[in-house]
Amino acid sequence: MSVYNSMEKTKTKRNRRSKAEIETGINKAAESIILKKGFSGMTVLDLIKQAKIEPVTFYSRYRNLEEFFDTFVRGYDYWFTDMLKMTRDKEYDKERYVEIFRNLFDCLKDESIMLELLRWEVGEANAVTKRSAMNREVQTMPLTEVYGNQFKDSGIDFVAISSLLIAGIYYLNLHRGCSPFCGIDAGTEAGRIRLMNAVESLATLLFRDRGPGSDSSADC
């Protein structure tokens, strides 16, 4: 064996990546492209080039871009991870309720995959966006049912109020590049603090008035 061939074999072995490293590289490449072009702007060719892989490497893992997105979005969706954690913890008091919104504000305050996912879902109703939105809905159901039961005798539609708050936070962050909303700029720290203070004030009112049988200690 020549010295040249020996060097080439050594280089090939050294550059060979594990399955986990390839998967990480694909996900990082996808994240970079999505933050520049959005979900709808990405192609398989973009992903292959950015991840520095061969087409066969991608297609041995995923049938198409749709299947890749189905897997990819689960790792970047705020609700999947945080809602599951809350369901396990089974702490359904006012403080945890406020924490949901604080974490959501934090998750959306910068350009992120989560924000791009919401932008894609709003702009394009396809099989992937419908599944993504429905999966998020399914994950939130146990939590909304527990909170809803706490307020069932209060005369307050707690779940509907919560849905308006969540949708409002989504919209304010999606809209922030256009203009302030009612004079509040959700893209600034001052705007986010003001909005979060409003959420806390509303939560205090809701948990104070949830009706007989409520545990006031949860509000302390």
Protein backbone atom coordinates (compact mmCIF):
# COMPACT_ATOMS: atom_id res chain seq x y z
CA MET A 1 0.00 0.00 0.00
CA SER A 2 1.38 3.40 -0.95
CA VAL A 3 1.89 6.16 1.57
CA TYR A 4 -0.76 8.22 -0.27
CA ASN A 5 -3.41 5.50 -0.03
CA SER A 6 -2.61 4.98 3.63
CA MET A 7 -3.07 8.68 4.34
CA GLU A 8 -6.37 8.72 2.45
CA LYS A 9 -7.73 5.76 4.46
CA THR A 10 -6.68 7.39 7.71
CA LYS A 11 -8.37 10.65 6.70
CA THR A 12 -11.59 8.80 5.76
CA LYS A 13 -11.72 7.02 9.10
CA ARG A 14 -11.03 10.22 10.97
CA ASN A 15 -13.83 12.10 9.16
CA ARG A 16 -16.42 9.34 9.54
CA ARG A 17 -19.23 10.50 11.82
CA SER A 18 -21.39 8.41 14.10
CA LYS A 19 -25.14 8.13 13.54
CA ALA A 20 -25.74 10.48 16.46
CA GLU A 21 -23.27 13.04 15.08
CA ILE A 22 -24.92 12.91 11.66
CA GLU A 23 -28.37 13.39 13.21
CA THR A 24 -27.11 16.33 15.26
CA GLY A 25 -25.55 17.82 12.14
CA ILE A 26 -28.80 17.49 10.19
CA ASN A 27 -30.81 19.15 12.96
CA LYS A 28 -28.33 22.02 13.33
CA ALA A 29 -28.32 22.53 9.59
CA ALA A 30 -32.13 22.60 9.55
CA GLU A 31 -32.22 25.12 12.38
CA SER A 32 -29.80 27.42 10.56
CA ILE A 33 -31.79 27.27 7.32
CA ILE A 34 -35.18 27.72 8.99
CA LEU A 35 -34.03 30.82 10.88
CA LYS A 36 -32.97 32.31 7.53
CA LYS A 37 -35.69 31.07 5.18
CA GLY A 38 -38.49 29.75 7.39
CA PHE A 39 -39.91 26.23 7.21
CA SER A 40 -41.62 26.75 3.87
CA GLY A 41 -38.40 28.05 2.31
CA MET A 42 -36.27 25.02 3.10
CA THR A 43 -35.62 22.21 0.60
CA VAL A 44 -34.01 18.81 0.93
CA LEU A 45 -31.15 20.07 -1.24
CA ASP A 46 -30.59 22.98 1.17
CA LEU A 47 -30.47 20.58 4.08
CA ILE A 48 -28.12 18.12 2.40
CA LYS A 49 -25.68 20.88 1.46
CA GLN A 50 -25.77 22.58 4.85
CA ALA A 51 -25.37 19.32 6.77
CA LYS A 52 -22.64 18.14 4.37
CA ILE A 53 -24.21 14.74 3.80
CA GLU A 54 -25.04 12.63 0.77
CA PRO A 55 -28.67 12.34 -0.38
CA VAL A 56 -28.67 8.64 0.55
CA THR A 57 -27.79 9.59 4.14
CA PHE A 58 -30.91 11.75 4.40
CA TYR A 59 -33.24 9.33 2.61
CA SER A 60 -32.08 6.39 4.68
CA ARG A 61 -33.57 8.22 7.67
CA TYR A 62 -36.57 10.05 6.21
CA ARG A 63 -38.80 9.35 3.23
CA ASN A 64 -39.13 13.05 2.48
CA LEU A 65 -38.92 16.54 3.99
CA GLU A 66 -42.40 16.20 5.50
CA GLU A 67 -41.35 13.19 7.55
CA PHE A 68 -38.23 15.01 8.70
CA PHE A 69 -40.27 18.02 9.83
CA ASP A 70 -42.65 15.77 11.77
CA THR A 71 -39.70 14.55 13.84
CA PHE A 72 -37.81 17.83 13.95
CA VAL A 73 -40.57 20.08 15.34
CA ARG A 74 -41.09 17.91 18.42
CA GLY A 75 -37.68 18.89 19.72
CA TYR A 76 -38.28 22.62 19.32
CA ASP A 77 -41.88 23.05 20.44
CA TYR A 78 -42.12 24.74 23.84
CA TRP A 79 -45.42 23.12 24.76
CA PHE A 80 -44.31 19.52 24.25
CA THR A 81 -41.60 19.66 26.87
CA ASP A 82 -42.99 22.12 29.39
CA MET A 83 -46.57 20.85 29.43
CA LEU A 84 -45.43 17.28 29.94
CA LYS A 85 -43.21 18.38 32.83
CA MET A 86 -46.09 20.22 34.47
CA THR A 87 -48.37 17.22 34.09
CA ARG A 88 -45.80 15.04 35.85
CA ASP A 89 -45.21 17.58 38.63
CA LYS A 90 -48.97 17.96 39.22
CA GLU A 91 -48.60 21.47 40.60
CA TYR A 92 -51.62 23.36 39.38
CA ASP A 93 -51.52 26.54 41.45
CA LYS A 94 -51.41 30.20 40.44
CA GLU A 95 -47.62 30.37 40.52
CA ARG A 96 -47.25 27.52 38.06
CA TYR A 97 -49.97 29.01 35.85
CA VAL A 98 -48.07 32.30 35.67
CA GLU A 99 -44.85 30.39 35.00
CA ILE A 100 -46.41 28.91 31.85
CA PHE A 101 -46.78 32.38 30.38
CA ARG A 102 -43.41 33.62 31.62
CA ASN A 103 -41.69 30.68 29.93
CA LEU A 104 -43.71 31.23 26.78
CA PHE A 105 -42.66 34.89 26.66
CA ASP A 106 -39.03 33.84 27.13
CA CYS A 107 -39.31 31.20 24.44
CA LEU A 108 -40.67 33.65 21.86
CA LYS A 109 -38.76 36.82 22.72
CA ASP A 110 -36.00 36.12 20.19
CA GLU A 111 -36.12 34.74 16.67
CA SER A 112 -36.46 31.00 17.27
CA ILE A 113 -37.58 27.73 15.74
CA MET A 114 -40.72 27.90 17.87
CA LEU A 115 -41.59 31.32 16.46
CA GLU A 116 -40.92 30.11 12.92
CA LEU A 117 -43.11 27.07 13.56
CA LEU A 118 -46.00 29.30 14.65
CA ARG A 119 -45.43 31.52 11.61
CA TRP A 120 -45.56 28.46 9.36
CA GLU A 121 -48.71 27.13 10.99
CA VAL A 122 -50.50 30.47 10.60
CA GLY A 123 -49.38 30.96 7.01
CA GLU A 124 -49.76 27.45 5.63
CA ALA A 125 -52.26 24.74 6.55
CA ASN A 126 -50.58 21.55 5.35
CA ALA A 127 -50.27 18.02 6.75
CA VAL A 128 -47.22 18.84 8.88
CA THR A 129 -48.51 22.10 10.35
CA LYS A 130 -51.88 20.53 11.14
CA ARG A 131 -50.22 17.60 12.92
CA SER A 132 -47.86 19.93 14.79
CA ALA A 133 -50.70 22.15 15.99
CA MET A 134 -52.87 19.16 16.91
CA ASN A 135 -50.03 17.48 18.82
CA ARG A 136 -49.58 20.67 20.84
CA GLU A 137 -53.31 20.70 21.51
CA VAL A 138 -53.28 17.09 22.70
CA GLN A 139 -50.35 17.78 25.03
CA THR A 140 -52.17 20.68 26.70
CA MET A 141 -55.44 18.84 27.28
CA PRO A 142 -54.56 17.19 30.65
CA LEU A 143 -53.46 20.53 32.05
CA THR A 144 -56.48 22.49 30.80
CA GLU A 145 -58.81 19.83 32.17
CA VAL A 146 -57.29 20.04 35.65
CA TYR A 147 -57.36 23.83 35.73
CA GLY A 148 -60.84 23.82 34.22
CA ASN A 149 -62.09 21.52 36.99
CA GLN A 150 -60.69 23.88 39.62
CA PHE A 151 -62.90 26.64 38.20
CA LYS A 152 -65.99 24.62 37.31
CA ASP A 153 -68.10 26.15 40.12
CA SER A 154 -66.73 29.67 39.79
CA GLY A 155 -68.72 30.88 36.81
CA ILE A 156 -65.38 31.65 35.10
CA ASP A 157 -64.51 29.97 31.80
CA PHE A 158 -60.88 29.55 32.78
CA VAL A 159 -59.89 27.54 29.71
CA ALA A 160 -61.35 30.09 27.28
CA ILE A 161 -59.60 32.94 29.10
CA SER A 162 -56.33 31.01 28.99
CA SER A 163 -56.71 30.35 25.26
CA LEU A 164 -57.14 34.07 24.65
CA LEU A 165 -53.99 34.82 26.66
CA ILE A 166 -51.93 32.23 24.80
CA ALA A 167 -53.21 33.33 21.40
CA GLY A 168 -52.53 36.95 22.35
CA ILE A 169 -48.92 36.16 23.25
CA TYR A 170 -48.50 34.29 19.98
CA TYR A 171 -49.89 37.16 17.94
CA LEU A 172 -48.00 39.91 19.73
CA ASN A 173 -44.73 38.14 19.05
CA LEU A 174 -45.58 37.33 15.44
CA HIS A 175 -46.70 40.93 14.90
CA ARG A 176 -43.84 42.70 16.67
CA GLY A 177 -41.83 43.21 13.47
CA CYS A 178 -44.68 45.23 11.97
CA SER A 179 -45.56 47.76 14.65
CA PRO A 180 -46.44 48.15 18.33
CA PHE A 181 -49.87 46.87 19.36
CA CYS A 182 -51.99 49.27 21.42
CA GLY A 183 -48.76 51.18 22.00
CA ILE A 184 -46.94 48.14 23.43
CA ASP A 185 -43.90 46.73 21.65
CA ALA A 186 -43.56 43.04 22.52
CA GLY A 187 -40.11 43.10 20.98
CA THR A 188 -38.70 45.22 23.79
CA GLU A 189 -37.92 44.24 27.36
CA ALA A 190 -40.15 47.04 28.66
CA GLY A 191 -43.04 45.77 26.55
CA ARG A 192 -42.59 42.19 27.69
CA ILE A 193 -42.43 43.22 31.35
CA ARG A 194 -45.61 45.23 30.98
CA LEU A 195 -47.44 42.33 29.33
CA MET A 196 -46.18 39.83 31.89
CA ASN A 197 -47.32 42.08 34.72
CA ALA A 198 -50.77 42.14 33.12
CA VAL A 199 -50.82 38.32 33.01
CA GLU A 200 -49.87 38.13 36.69
CA SER A 201 -52.58 40.64 37.63
CA LEU A 202 -55.20 38.68 35.72
CA ALA A 203 -54.04 35.39 37.26
CA THR A 204 -54.36 36.90 40.73
CA LEU A 205 -57.94 37.95 39.99
CA LEU A 206 -58.82 34.57 38.50
CA PHE A 207 -57.50 32.49 41.37
CA ARG A 208 -58.98 34.82 43.97
CA ASP A 209 -62.46 34.49 42.47
CA ARG A 210 -62.52 30.82 41.54
CA GLY A 211 -65.39 30.12 43.92
CA PRO A 212 -66.15 28.02 47.00
CA GLY A 213 -63.90 25.15 47.89
CA SER A 214 -60.76 26.78 46.50
CA ASP A 215 -57.55 26.54 48.44
CA SER A 216 -56.47 30.12 49.13
CA SER A 217 -53.05 28.90 50.20
CA ALA A 218 -52.24 28.35 46.53
CA ASP A 219 -52.43 32.11 46.02
CA CYS A 220 -49.94 33.04 48.71
